[in-house]
Amino acid sequence: MQFDDDARLDTSEVQDVRGSRLPGGRAAMGGGFAGVIALVLGLLFGTDQFGLSAEDTGAPTATMSSEAQVQEQCRTGSDANSRQDCRTVAVVNSVQDFWGSEFGRRGGTYTPASTVFFTNQVATACGSATSAVGPFYCPGDRRVYLDLGFFDELRTKFGSSGGPFAQAYVVAHEYGHHVQNLMGTLTRAQDGRTGENSNAVKVELQADCYGGVWARHATTTPTESTGRPLITSLTDADIRDGLDAAAAVGDDRIQERYQGRVTPETWTHGSAQQRQQWFYRGFESGDMAQCDTFR
């Protein structure tokens, strides 16, 4: 995956709170809900639905040093080609450029969502969370939350081949949830059911498919700064890395690795095969209408 060296990156779409701490240093975790009901859908184990603390529901606050670091060091596509955090900024820009264009083409309006870089723990409108939950989207504040250390874990803990596009797949998946939130389909997973045919799984697979749709158009969607696509090249090897990452976080792969057996009745994200299938369906068609996992 290559970026246009001369393209300007929009760092306003990313908030960097790495190195900051929650008020009081608290991080409430668990599998239930408290205070308010929130739907937080991400990649790991189906445990992105974390316990909420009524005291820690505000938006994160960036420190001057961390915010300035991204603004100073992530200016162009050349920076994205050489730095992981800048590459993630560029992927966020590309994903949102596409969805803005796609919503407009369909007569709608896309509302952008920020991505928050954090380390260890973070306060959100959905409660406070630690890095253990993995990347997640909070519909309460319409933000994607990401500890960049997860990209190393994707390879070392979950067996993904890794690579820049594996990381891009993660970001595109979470923005798929934002698209679902804007379209009113994200709430379908709120019935609390699990299993291979549950709405929770269908929501996750649709987010994978939306990620594939973006990937199809990533090298043709122009940016405002140059009028040219921010991403200049996606190879077959990049797509294979994305498919490998999708498989690595399949419920069956994770269950087999960590509990030694597969229990489909507890699935919340879908099997490795399903996740690959729906990502590739989106990529092959380039059409979000082909992502109706509920049908």
C-alpha atoms as a PDB file:
ATOM      1  CA  MET A   1       0.000   0.000   0.000  1.00  0.00           C
ATOM      2  CA  GLN A   2       1.484   3.288  -1.116  1.00  0.00           C
ATOM      3  CA  PHE A   3       0.363   6.865  -0.495  1.00  0.00           C
ATOM      4  CA  ASP A   4       0.797   9.918  -2.706  1.00  0.00           C
ATOM      5  CA  ASP A   5       3.972  11.509  -1.314  1.00  0.00           C
ATOM      6  CA  ASP A   6       2.691  15.024  -2.030  1.00  0.00           C
ATOM      7  CA  ALA A   7      -0.799  14.647  -0.564  1.00  0.00           C
ATOM      8  CA  ARG A   8      -1.600  16.666   2.543  1.00  0.00           C
ATOM      9  CA  LEU A   9      -2.849  14.684   5.536  1.00  0.00           C
ATOM     10  CA  ASP A  10      -5.790  15.995   7.557  1.00  0.00           C
ATOM     11  CA  THR A  11      -4.727  15.484  11.165  1.00  0.00           C
ATOM     12  CA  SER A  12      -7.934  17.127  12.398  1.00  0.00           C
ATOM     13  CA  GLU A  13      -9.622  13.753  11.865  1.00  0.00           C
ATOM     14  CA  VAL A  14      -7.386  12.156  14.519  1.00  0.00           C
ATOM     15  CA  GLN A  15      -7.128  13.014  18.195  1.00  0.00           C
ATOM     16  CA  ASP A  16      -3.971  11.802  19.914  1.00  0.00           C
ATOM     17  CA  VAL A  17      -4.236  11.242  23.658  1.00  0.00           C
ATOM     18  CA  ARG A  18      -1.358   8.802  23.968  1.00  0.00           C
ATOM     19  CA  GLY A  19       0.356   9.294  27.294  1.00  0.00           C
ATOM     20  CA  SER A  20      -2.635  10.931  28.985  1.00  0.00           C
ATOM     21  CA  ARG A  21      -4.606   9.380  31.853  1.00  0.00           C
ATOM     22  CA  LEU A  22      -8.260   9.055  32.729  1.00  0.00           C
ATOM     23  CA  PRO A  23      -9.656  11.300  35.460  1.00  0.00           C
ATOM     24  CA  GLY A  24      -8.826   9.475  38.663  1.00  0.00           C
ATOM     25  CA  GLY A  25      -6.866   6.847  36.728  1.00  0.00           C
ATOM     26  CA  ARG A  26      -9.920   4.593  36.513  1.00  0.00           C
ATOM     27  CA  ALA A  27     -10.662   2.050  33.836  1.00  0.00           C
ATOM     28  CA  ALA A  28     -13.867   0.089  34.305  1.00  0.00           C
ATOM     29  CA  MET A  29     -13.875  -3.197  32.391  1.00  0.00           C
ATOM     30  CA  GLY A  30     -16.150  -6.173  32.145  1.00  0.00           C
ATOM     31  CA  GLY A  31     -18.808  -7.865  30.086  1.00  0.00           C
ATOM     32  CA  GLY A  32     -21.887  -6.036  31.329  1.00  0.00           C
ATOM     33  CA  PHE A  33     -23.412  -2.559  31.330  1.00  0.00           C
ATOM     34  CA  ALA A  34     -23.888   0.009  34.053  1.00  0.00           C
ATOM     35  CA  GLY A  35     -25.454   3.448  34.093  1.00  0.00           C
ATOM     36  CA  VAL A  36     -26.420   3.650  30.404  1.00  0.00           C
ATOM     37  CA  ILE A  37     -26.791   1.145  27.605  1.00  0.00           C
ATOM     38  CA  ALA A  38     -24.060   1.350  24.975  1.00  0.00           C
ATOM     39  CA  LEU A  39     -23.195  -0.725  21.965  1.00  0.00           C
ATOM     40  CA  VAL A  40     -19.473  -0.985  21.349  1.00  0.00           C
ATOM     41  CA  LEU A  41     -18.513  -3.304  18.525  1.00  0.00           C
ATOM     42  CA  GLY A  42     -14.872  -4.089  17.703  1.00  0.00           C
ATOM     43  CA  LEU A  43     -12.640  -7.006  16.881  1.00  0.00           C
ATOM     44  CA  LEU A  44     -11.723  -8.975  19.978  1.00  0.00           C
ATOM     45  CA  PHE A  45     -13.553 -11.902  21.564  1.00  0.00           C
ATOM     46  CA  GLY A  46     -16.890 -10.103  21.525  1.00  0.00           C
ATOM     47  CA  THR A  47     -15.850  -8.342  24.766  1.00  0.00           C
ATOM     48  CA  ASP A  48     -15.799  -4.855  23.352  1.00  0.00           C
ATOM     49  CA  GLN A  49     -19.044  -4.339  25.262  1.00  0.00           C
ATOM     50  CA  PHE A  50     -17.388  -3.091  28.415  1.00  0.00           C
ATOM     51  CA  GLY A  51     -18.687  -2.060  31.794  1.00  0.00           C
ATOM     52  CA  LEU A  52     -19.475   1.628  32.097  1.00  0.00           C
ATOM     53  CA  SER A  53     -18.559   4.074  34.816  1.00  0.00           C
ATOM     54  CA  ALA A  54     -20.953   6.962  35.276  1.00  0.00           C
ATOM     55  CA  GLU A  55     -18.012   9.113  36.336  1.00  0.00           C
ATOM     56  CA  ASP A  56     -15.913   8.522  33.217  1.00  0.00           C
ATOM     57  CA  THR A  57     -18.225   9.234  30.292  1.00  0.00           C
ATOM     58  CA  GLY A  58     -16.617  12.376  28.934  1.00  0.00           C
ATOM     59  CA  ALA A  59     -14.623  12.716  25.733  1.00  0.00           C
ATOM     60  CA  PRO A  60     -10.855  12.221  25.957  1.00  0.00           C
ATOM     61  CA  THR A  61      -8.555  15.201  26.259  1.00  0.00           C
ATOM     62  CA  ALA A  62      -5.338  15.356  24.304  1.00  0.00           C
ATOM     63  CA  THR A  63      -2.132  16.567  25.854  1.00  0.00           C
ATOM     64  CA  MET A  64      -0.361  19.388  24.038  1.00  0.00           C
ATOM     65  CA  SER A  65       2.701  17.253  23.381  1.00  0.00           C
ATOM     66  CA  SER A  66       0.868  14.262  21.902  1.00  0.00           C
ATOM     67  CA  GLU A  67      -1.472  16.335  19.731  1.00  0.00           C
ATOM     68  CA  ALA A  68       1.391  18.444  18.444  1.00  0.00           C
ATOM     69  CA  GLN A  69       3.405  15.322  17.666  1.00  0.00           C
ATOM     70  CA  VAL A  70       0.904  14.058  15.105  1.00  0.00           C
ATOM     71  CA  GLN A  71       0.347  17.526  13.659  1.00  0.00           C
ATOM     72  CA  GLU A  72       4.063  18.121  13.237  1.00  0.00           C
ATOM     73  CA  GLN A  73       5.114  14.681  12.037  1.00  0.00           C
ATOM     74  CA  CYS A  74       2.126  13.570   9.937  1.00  0.00           C
ATOM     75  CA  ARG A  75       1.854  16.194   7.237  1.00  0.00           C
ATOM     76  CA  THR A  76       2.087  14.403   3.893  1.00  0.00           C
ATOM     77  CA  GLY A  77       1.672  11.074   2.189  1.00  0.00           C
ATOM     78  CA  SER A  78       5.430  10.706   2.383  1.00  0.00           C
ATOM     79  CA  ASP A  79       5.117  10.666   6.176  1.00  0.00           C
ATOM     80  CA  ALA A  80       2.388   8.015   5.873  1.00  0.00           C
ATOM     81  CA  ASN A  81       4.748   5.858   3.834  1.00  0.00           C
ATOM     82  CA  SER A  82       7.334   5.913   6.624  1.00  0.00           C
ATOM     83  CA  ARG A  83       5.476   6.107   9.986  1.00  0.00           C
ATOM     84  CA  GLN A  84       2.783   3.851  11.444  1.00  0.00           C
ATOM     85  CA  ASP A  85       0.807   6.606  13.171  1.00  0.00           C
ATOM     86  CA  CYS A  86       0.903   8.774  10.043  1.00  0.00           C
ATOM     87  CA  ARG A  87      -0.186   5.801   7.948  1.00  0.00           C
ATOM     88  CA  THR A  88      -3.208   5.367  10.188  1.00  0.00           C
ATOM     89  CA  VAL A  89      -4.029   9.075   9.812  1.00  0.00           C
ATOM     90  CA  ALA A  90      -3.849   8.621   6.034  1.00  0.00           C
ATOM     91  CA  VAL A  91      -6.130   5.566   6.097  1.00  0.00           C
ATOM     92  CA  VAL A  92      -8.665   7.471   8.214  1.00  0.00           C
ATOM     93  CA  ASN A  93      -8.545  10.308   5.666  1.00  0.00           C
ATOM     94  CA  SER A  94      -8.990   7.917   2.743  1.00  0.00           C
ATOM     95  CA  VAL A  95     -11.850   5.992   4.355  1.00  0.00           C
ATOM     96  CA  GLN A  96     -13.736   9.174   5.190  1.00  0.00           C
ATOM     97  CA  ASP A  97     -13.086  10.721   1.768  1.00  0.00           C
ATOM     98  CA  PHE A  98     -14.700   7.652   0.235  1.00  0.00           C
ATOM     99  CA  TRP A  99     -17.736   7.519   2.507  1.00  0.00           C
ATOM    100  CA  GLY A 100     -18.301  11.241   2.117  1.00  0.00           C
ATOM    101  CA  SER A 101     -18.342  10.771  -1.635  1.00  0.00           C
ATOM    102  CA  GLU A 102     -20.475   7.635  -1.484  1.00  0.00           C
ATOM    103  CA  PHE A 103     -23.110   9.151   0.795  1.00  0.00           C
ATOM    104  CA  GLY A 104     -23.242  12.217  -1.462  1.00  0.00           C
ATOM    105  CA  ARG A 105     -23.638  10.058  -4.556  1.00  0.00           C
ATOM    106  CA  ARG A 106     -26.596   8.372  -2.899  1.00  0.00           C
ATOM    107  CA  GLY A 107     -28.207  11.654  -1.912  1.00  0.00           C
ATOM    108  CA  GLY A 108     -27.197  11.516   1.737  1.00  0.00           C
ATOM    109  CA  THR A 109     -24.790  13.348   4.027  1.00  0.00           C
ATOM    110  CA  TYR A 110     -21.843  11.680   5.697  1.00  0.00           C
ATOM    111  CA  THR A 111     -20.885  12.983   9.152  1.00  0.00           C
ATOM    112  CA  PRO A 112     -17.163  12.422   9.797  1.00  0.00           C
ATOM    113  CA  ALA A 113     -15.942  10.560  12.878  1.00  0.00           C
ATOM    114  CA  SER A 114     -12.655  11.150  14.677  1.00  0.00           C
ATOM    115  CA  THR A 115     -10.178   8.421  15.486  1.00  0.00           C
ATOM    116  CA  VAL A 116      -8.606   8.628  18.937  1.00  0.00           C
ATOM    117  CA  PHE A 117      -5.104   7.243  19.477  1.00  0.00           C
ATOM    118  CA  PHE A 118      -4.613   6.156  23.078  1.00  0.00           C
ATOM    119  CA  THR A 119      -2.363   4.012  25.224  1.00  0.00           C
ATOM    120  CA  ASN A 120      -3.405   1.811  28.156  1.00  0.00           C
ATOM    121  CA  GLN A 121      -6.800   3.373  28.884  1.00  0.00           C
ATOM    122  CA  VAL A 122      -9.210   5.979  27.597  1.00  0.00           C
ATOM    123  CA  ALA A 123     -12.449   7.712  28.640  1.00  0.00           C
ATOM    124  CA  THR A 124     -15.285   7.678  26.116  1.00  0.00           C
ATOM    125  CA  ALA A 125     -18.978   8.487  25.960  1.00  0.00           C
ATOM    126  CA  CYS A 126     -19.512   4.724  26.232  1.00  0.00           C
ATOM    127  CA  GLY A 127     -17.495   4.478  29.432  1.00  0.00           C
ATOM    128  CA  SER A 128     -13.819   3.953  30.171  1.00  0.00           C
ATOM    129  CA  ALA A 129     -11.820   1.212  28.481  1.00  0.00           C
ATOM    130  CA  THR A 130      -8.346  -0.249  28.449  1.00  0.00           C
ATOM    131  CA  SER A 131      -6.284  -1.431  25.504  1.00  0.00           C
ATOM    132  CA  ALA A 132      -7.420  -4.983  26.280  1.00  0.00           C
ATOM    133  CA  VAL A 133     -10.697  -4.459  24.415  1.00  0.00           C
ATOM    134  CA  GLY A 134      -8.865  -3.845  21.138  1.00  0.00           C
ATOM    135  CA  PRO A 135     -10.019  -1.273  18.571  1.00  0.00           C
ATOM    136  CA  PHE A 136     -13.633  -0.206  18.989  1.00  0.00           C
ATOM    137  CA  TYR A 137     -16.229   2.282  17.834  1.00  0.00           C
ATOM    138  CA  CYS A 138     -18.334   4.190  20.350  1.00  0.00           C
ATOM    139  CA  PRO A 139     -21.678   5.330  18.911  1.00  0.00           C
ATOM    140  CA  GLY A 140     -22.218   7.641  21.891  1.00  0.00           C
ATOM    141  CA  ASP A 141     -19.528  10.064  20.736  1.00  0.00           C
ATOM    142  CA  ARG A 142     -19.085   8.768  17.176  1.00  0.00           C
ATOM    143  CA  ARG A 143     -15.387   8.067  17.597  1.00  0.00           C
ATOM    144  CA  VAL A 144     -13.111   5.174  16.725  1.00  0.00           C
ATOM    145  CA  TYR A 145     -10.659   4.277  19.508  1.00  0.00           C
ATOM    146  CA  LEU A 146      -7.343   2.656  18.719  1.00  0.00           C
ATOM    147  CA  ASP A 147      -4.244   1.718  20.663  1.00  0.00           C
ATOM    148  CA  LEU A 148      -1.628   1.396  17.902  1.00  0.00           C
ATOM    149  CA  GLY A 149       0.011  -1.424  19.867  1.00  0.00           C
ATOM    150  CA  PHE A 150      -2.865  -3.630  18.711  1.00  0.00           C
ATOM    151  CA  PHE A 151      -1.288  -3.870  15.276  1.00  0.00           C
ATOM    152  CA  ASP A 152       1.662  -5.751  16.770  1.00  0.00           C
ATOM    153  CA  GLU A 153      -0.721  -8.009  18.693  1.00  0.00           C
ATOM    154  CA  LEU A 154      -2.630  -8.753  15.506  1.00  0.00           C
ATOM    155  CA  ARG A 155       0.514 -10.470  14.268  1.00  0.00           C
ATOM    156  CA  THR A 156       2.037 -11.855  17.484  1.00  0.00           C
ATOM    157  CA  LYS A 157      -1.103 -12.906  19.403  1.00  0.00           C
ATOM    158  CA  PHE A 158      -3.581 -13.663  16.630  1.00  0.00           C
ATOM    159  CA  GLY A 159      -1.293 -15.013  13.929  1.00  0.00           C
ATOM    160  CA  SER A 160      -2.008 -12.488  11.188  1.00  0.00           C
ATOM    161  CA  SER A 161       0.658 -12.013   8.535  1.00  0.00           C
ATOM    162  CA  GLY A 162       0.569  -8.320   9.390  1.00  0.00           C
ATOM    163  CA  GLY A 163       1.501  -5.560   6.992  1.00  0.00           C
ATOM    164  CA  PRO A 164       0.188  -2.043   6.370  1.00  0.00           C
ATOM    165  CA  PHE A 165      -3.036  -3.184   4.766  1.00  0.00           C
ATOM    166  CA  ALA A 166      -3.855  -5.532   7.637  1.00  0.00           C
ATOM    167  CA  GLN A 167      -3.805  -2.394   9.771  1.00  0.00           C
ATOM    168  CA  ALA A 168      -5.922  -0.541   7.215  1.00  0.00           C
ATOM    169  CA  TYR A 169      -8.483  -3.359   7.358  1.00  0.00           C
ATOM    170  CA  VAL A 170      -8.886  -2.807  11.105  1.00  0.00           C
ATOM    171  CA  VAL A 171      -9.499   0.923  10.643  1.00  0.00           C
ATOM    172  CA  ALA A 172     -11.899   0.392   7.730  1.00  0.00           C
ATOM    173  CA  HIS A 173     -13.854  -2.185   9.756  1.00  0.00           C
ATOM    174  CA  GLU A 174     -14.386   0.251  12.622  1.00  0.00           C
ATOM    175  CA  TYR A 175     -15.505   2.971  10.226  1.00  0.00           C
ATOM    176  CA  GLY A 176     -17.915   0.400   8.831  1.00  0.00           C
ATOM    177  CA  HIS A 177     -19.602   0.562  12.240  1.00  0.00           C
ATOM    178  CA  HIS A 178     -19.777   4.339  11.956  1.00  0.00           C
ATOM    179  CA  VAL A 179     -21.507   3.969   8.591  1.00  0.00           C
ATOM    180  CA  GLN A 180     -23.941   1.541  10.228  1.00  0.00           C
ATOM    181  CA  ASN A 181     -24.577   4.028  13.015  1.00  0.00           C
ATOM    182  CA  LEU A 182     -25.373   6.790  10.522  1.00  0.00           C
ATOM    183  CA  MET A 183     -27.703   4.455   8.628  1.00  0.00           C
ATOM    184  CA  GLY A 184     -29.459   3.155  11.743  1.00  0.00           C
ATOM    185  CA  THR A 185     -28.421  -0.490  11.370  1.00  0.00           C
ATOM    186  CA  LEU A 186     -25.923  -0.659  14.227  1.00  0.00           C
ATOM    187  CA  THR A 187     -28.700  -1.004  16.800  1.00  0.00           C
ATOM    188  CA  ARG A 188     -29.746  -4.362  15.360  1.00  0.00           C
ATOM    189  CA  ALA A 189     -27.117  -6.026  17.545  1.00  0.00           C
ATOM    190  CA  GLN A 190     -28.623  -4.653  20.749  1.00  0.00           C
ATOM    191  CA  ASP A 191     -30.816  -7.691  21.331  1.00  0.00           C
ATOM    192  CA  GLY A 192     -27.956  -9.269  23.301  1.00  0.00           C
ATOM    193  CA  ARG A 193     -28.049 -12.561  21.419  1.00  0.00           C
ATOM    194  CA  THR A 194     -24.956 -14.456  20.289  1.00  0.00           C
ATOM    195  CA  GLY A 195     -24.345 -17.273  17.847  1.00  0.00           C
ATOM    196  CA  GLU A 196     -23.357 -17.752  14.237  1.00  0.00           C
ATOM    197  CA  ASN A 197     -26.730 -16.499  12.952  1.00  0.00           C
ATOM    198  CA  SER A 198     -27.170 -13.671  15.479  1.00  0.00           C
ATOM    199  CA  ASN A 199     -27.604 -10.022  14.619  1.00  0.00           C
ATOM    200  CA  ALA A 200     -24.337  -9.304  16.437  1.00  0.00           C
ATOM    201  CA  VAL A 201     -22.465 -11.445  13.910  1.00  0.00           C
ATOM    202  CA  LYS A 202     -24.377  -9.942  10.987  1.00  0.00           C
ATOM    203  CA  VAL A 203     -23.445  -6.426  12.115  1.00  0.00           C
ATOM    204  CA  GLU A 204     -19.768  -7.395  12.282  1.00  0.00           C
ATOM    205  CA  LEU A 205     -19.775  -9.082   8.897  1.00  0.00           C
ATOM    206  CA  GLN A 206     -21.435  -6.064   7.323  1.00  0.00           C
ATOM    207  CA  ALA A 207     -18.684  -3.842   8.761  1.00  0.00           C
ATOM    208  CA  ASP A 208     -16.144  -6.194   7.146  1.00  0.00           C
ATOM    209  CA  CYS A 209     -17.988  -5.875   3.850  1.00  0.00           C
ATOM    210  CA  TYR A 210     -18.036  -2.083   4.074  1.00  0.00           C
ATOM    211  CA  GLY A 211     -14.287  -2.209   4.670  1.00  0.00           C
ATOM    212  CA  GLY A 212     -13.942  -4.172   1.440  1.00  0.00           C
ATOM    213  CA  VAL A 213     -16.070  -1.634  -0.447  1.00  0.00           C
ATOM    214  CA  TRP A 214     -13.717   1.140   0.639  1.00  0.00           C
ATOM    215  CA  ALA A 215     -10.699  -0.935  -0.425  1.00  0.00           C
ATOM    216  CA  ARG A 216     -12.149  -1.322  -3.935  1.00  0.00           C
ATOM    217  CA  HIS A 217     -12.352   2.465  -4.315  1.00  0.00           C
ATOM    218  CA  ALA A 218      -9.310   3.474  -2.265  1.00  0.00           C
ATOM    219  CA  THR A 219      -7.079   4.111  -5.276  1.00  0.00           C
ATOM    220  CA  THR A 220      -9.718   6.083  -7.198  1.00  0.00           C
ATOM    221  CA  THR A 221     -11.236   8.374  -4.547  1.00  0.00           C
ATOM    222  CA  PRO A 222      -9.680  11.865  -4.889  1.00  0.00           C
ATOM    223  CA  THR A 223      -8.655  14.057  -1.976  1.00  0.00           C
ATOM    224  CA  GLU A 224      -9.546  17.729  -1.689  1.00  0.00           C
ATOM    225  CA  SER A 225      -5.909  18.766  -1.270  1.00  0.00           C
ATOM    226  CA  THR A 226      -4.651  17.415  -4.601  1.00  0.00           C
ATOM    227  CA  GLY A 227      -7.658  16.149  -6.516  1.00  0.00           C
ATOM    228  CA  ARG A 228      -5.808  12.826  -6.727  1.00  0.00           C
ATOM    229  CA  PRO A 229      -6.313   9.631  -4.704  1.00  0.00           C
ATOM    230  CA  LEU A 230      -4.423   9.575  -1.413  1.00  0.00           C
ATOM    231  CA  ILE A 231      -3.671   5.871  -1.874  1.00  0.00           C
ATOM    232  CA  THR A 232      -1.848   5.299  -5.140  1.00  0.00           C
ATOM    233  CA  SER A 233      -1.320   1.559  -5.016  1.00  0.00           C
ATOM    234  CA  LEU A 234      -2.989  -1.530  -3.533  1.00  0.00           C
ATOM    235  CA  THR A 235      -1.508  -4.838  -4.601  1.00  0.00           C
ATOM    236  CA  ASP A 236      -2.882  -8.364  -4.528  1.00  0.00           C
ATOM    237  CA  ALA A 237      -0.488  -8.989  -1.634  1.00  0.00           C
ATOM    238  CA  ASP A 238      -2.102  -6.110   0.297  1.00  0.00           C
ATOM    239  CA  ILE A 239      -5.560  -7.613  -0.161  1.00  0.00           C
ATOM    240  CA  ARG A 240      -4.241 -10.997   0.952  1.00  0.00           C
ATOM    241  CA  ASP A 241      -2.908  -9.341   4.116  1.00  0.00           C
ATOM    242  CA  GLY A 242      -6.360  -7.853   4.721  1.00  0.00           C
ATOM    243  CA  LEU A 243      -8.043 -11.211   4.219  1.00  0.00           C
ATOM    244  CA  ASP A 244      -5.517 -12.855   6.522  1.00  0.00           C
ATOM    245  CA  ALA A 245      -6.219 -10.281   9.233  1.00  0.00           C
ATOM    246  CA  ALA A 246      -9.974 -10.863   8.829  1.00  0.00           C
ATOM    247  CA  ALA A 247      -9.452 -14.595   9.317  1.00  0.00           C
ATOM    248  CA  ALA A 248      -7.139 -14.111  12.292  1.00  0.00           C
ATOM    249  CA  VAL A 249      -9.889 -12.394  14.279  1.00  0.00           C
ATOM    250  CA  GLY A 250     -12.611 -14.883  13.368  1.00  0.00           C
ATOM    251  CA  ASP A 251     -14.431 -16.252  16.403  1.00  0.00           C
ATOM    252  CA  ASP A 252     -13.509 -19.842  15.582  1.00  0.00           C
ATOM    253  CA  ARG A 253      -9.803 -19.051  15.210  1.00  0.00           C
ATOM    254  CA  ILE A 254      -9.719 -17.128  18.489  1.00  0.00           C
ATOM    255  CA  GLN A 255     -11.681 -19.789  20.368  1.00  0.00           C
ATOM    256  CA  GLU A 256      -9.510 -22.610  19.047  1.00  0.00           C
ATOM    257  CA  ARG A 257      -6.346 -20.722  19.958  1.00  0.00           C
ATOM    258  CA  TYR A 258      -7.379 -19.648  23.459  1.00  0.00           C
ATOM    259  CA  GLN A 259      -9.891 -22.237  24.700  1.00  0.00           C
ATOM    260  CA  GLY A 260      -9.010 -25.241  22.552  1.00  0.00           C
ATOM    261  CA  ARG A 261     -12.517 -25.737  21.171  1.00  0.00           C
ATOM    262  CA  VAL A 262     -15.018 -23.915  18.980  1.00  0.00           C
ATOM    263  CA  THR A 263     -18.435 -22.935  20.369  1.00  0.00           C
ATOM    264  CA  PRO A 264     -20.510 -21.348  17.570  1.00  0.00           C
ATOM    265  CA  GLU A 265     -23.376 -20.548  19.937  1.00  0.00           C
ATOM    266  CA  THR A 266     -21.211 -17.880  21.597  1.00  0.00           C
ATOM    267  CA  TRP A 267     -19.972 -16.198  18.419  1.00  0.00           C
ATOM    268  CA  THR A 268     -20.319 -12.428  18.189  1.00  0.00           C
ATOM    269  CA  HIS A 269     -18.167 -11.587  15.142  1.00  0.00           C
ATOM    270  CA  GLY A 270     -18.320 -14.532  12.756  1.00  0.00           C
ATOM    271  CA  SER A 271     -15.980 -17.275  11.640  1.00  0.00           C
ATOM    272  CA  ALA A 272     -12.687 -16.752   9.825  1.00  0.00           C
ATOM    273  CA  GLN A 273     -14.293 -17.925   6.599  1.00  0.00           C
ATOM    274  CA  GLN A 274     -17.294 -15.632   7.001  1.00  0.00           C
ATOM    275  CA  ARG A 275     -15.140 -12.593   7.721  1.00  0.00           C
ATOM    276  CA  GLN A 276     -12.970 -13.236   4.697  1.00  0.00           C
ATOM    277  CA  GLN A 277     -16.007 -13.912   2.537  1.00  0.00           C
ATOM    278  CA  TRP A 278     -17.763 -10.675   3.401  1.00  0.00           C
ATOM    279  CA  PHE A 279     -14.664  -8.486   3.186  1.00  0.00           C
ATOM    280  CA  TYR A 280     -13.937  -9.914  -0.242  1.00  0.00           C
ATOM    281  CA  ARG A 281     -17.549  -9.547  -1.319  1.00  0.00           C
ATOM    282  CA  GLY A 282     -17.333  -5.843  -0.583  1.00  0.00           C
ATOM    283  CA  PHE A 283     -13.987  -5.570  -2.341  1.00  0.00           C
ATOM    284  CA  GLU A 284     -15.044  -7.526  -5.400  1.00  0.00           C
ATOM    285  CA  SER A 285     -18.339  -5.665  -5.880  1.00  0.00           C
ATOM    286  CA  GLY A 286     -17.368  -2.203  -4.641  1.00  0.00           C
ATOM    287  CA  ASP A 287     -21.073  -1.813  -3.861  1.00  0.00           C
ATOM    288  CA  MET A 288     -22.394  -1.298  -0.332  1.00  0.00           C
ATOM    289  CA  ALA A 289     -25.764  -2.636  -1.480  1.00  0.00           C
ATOM    290  CA  GLN A 290     -24.074  -6.042  -1.698  1.00  0.00           C
ATOM    291  CA  CYS A 291     -23.349  -5.930   2.046  1.00  0.00           C
ATOM    292  CA  ASP A 292     -26.813  -6.856   3.297  1.00  0.00           C
ATOM    293  CA  THR A 293     -25.825  -9.543   5.778  1.00  0.00           C
ATOM    294  CA  PHE A 294     -29.306  -9.450   7.337  1.00  0.00           C
ATOM    295  CA  ARG A 295     -31.032 -10.751   4.244  1.00  0.00           C
END
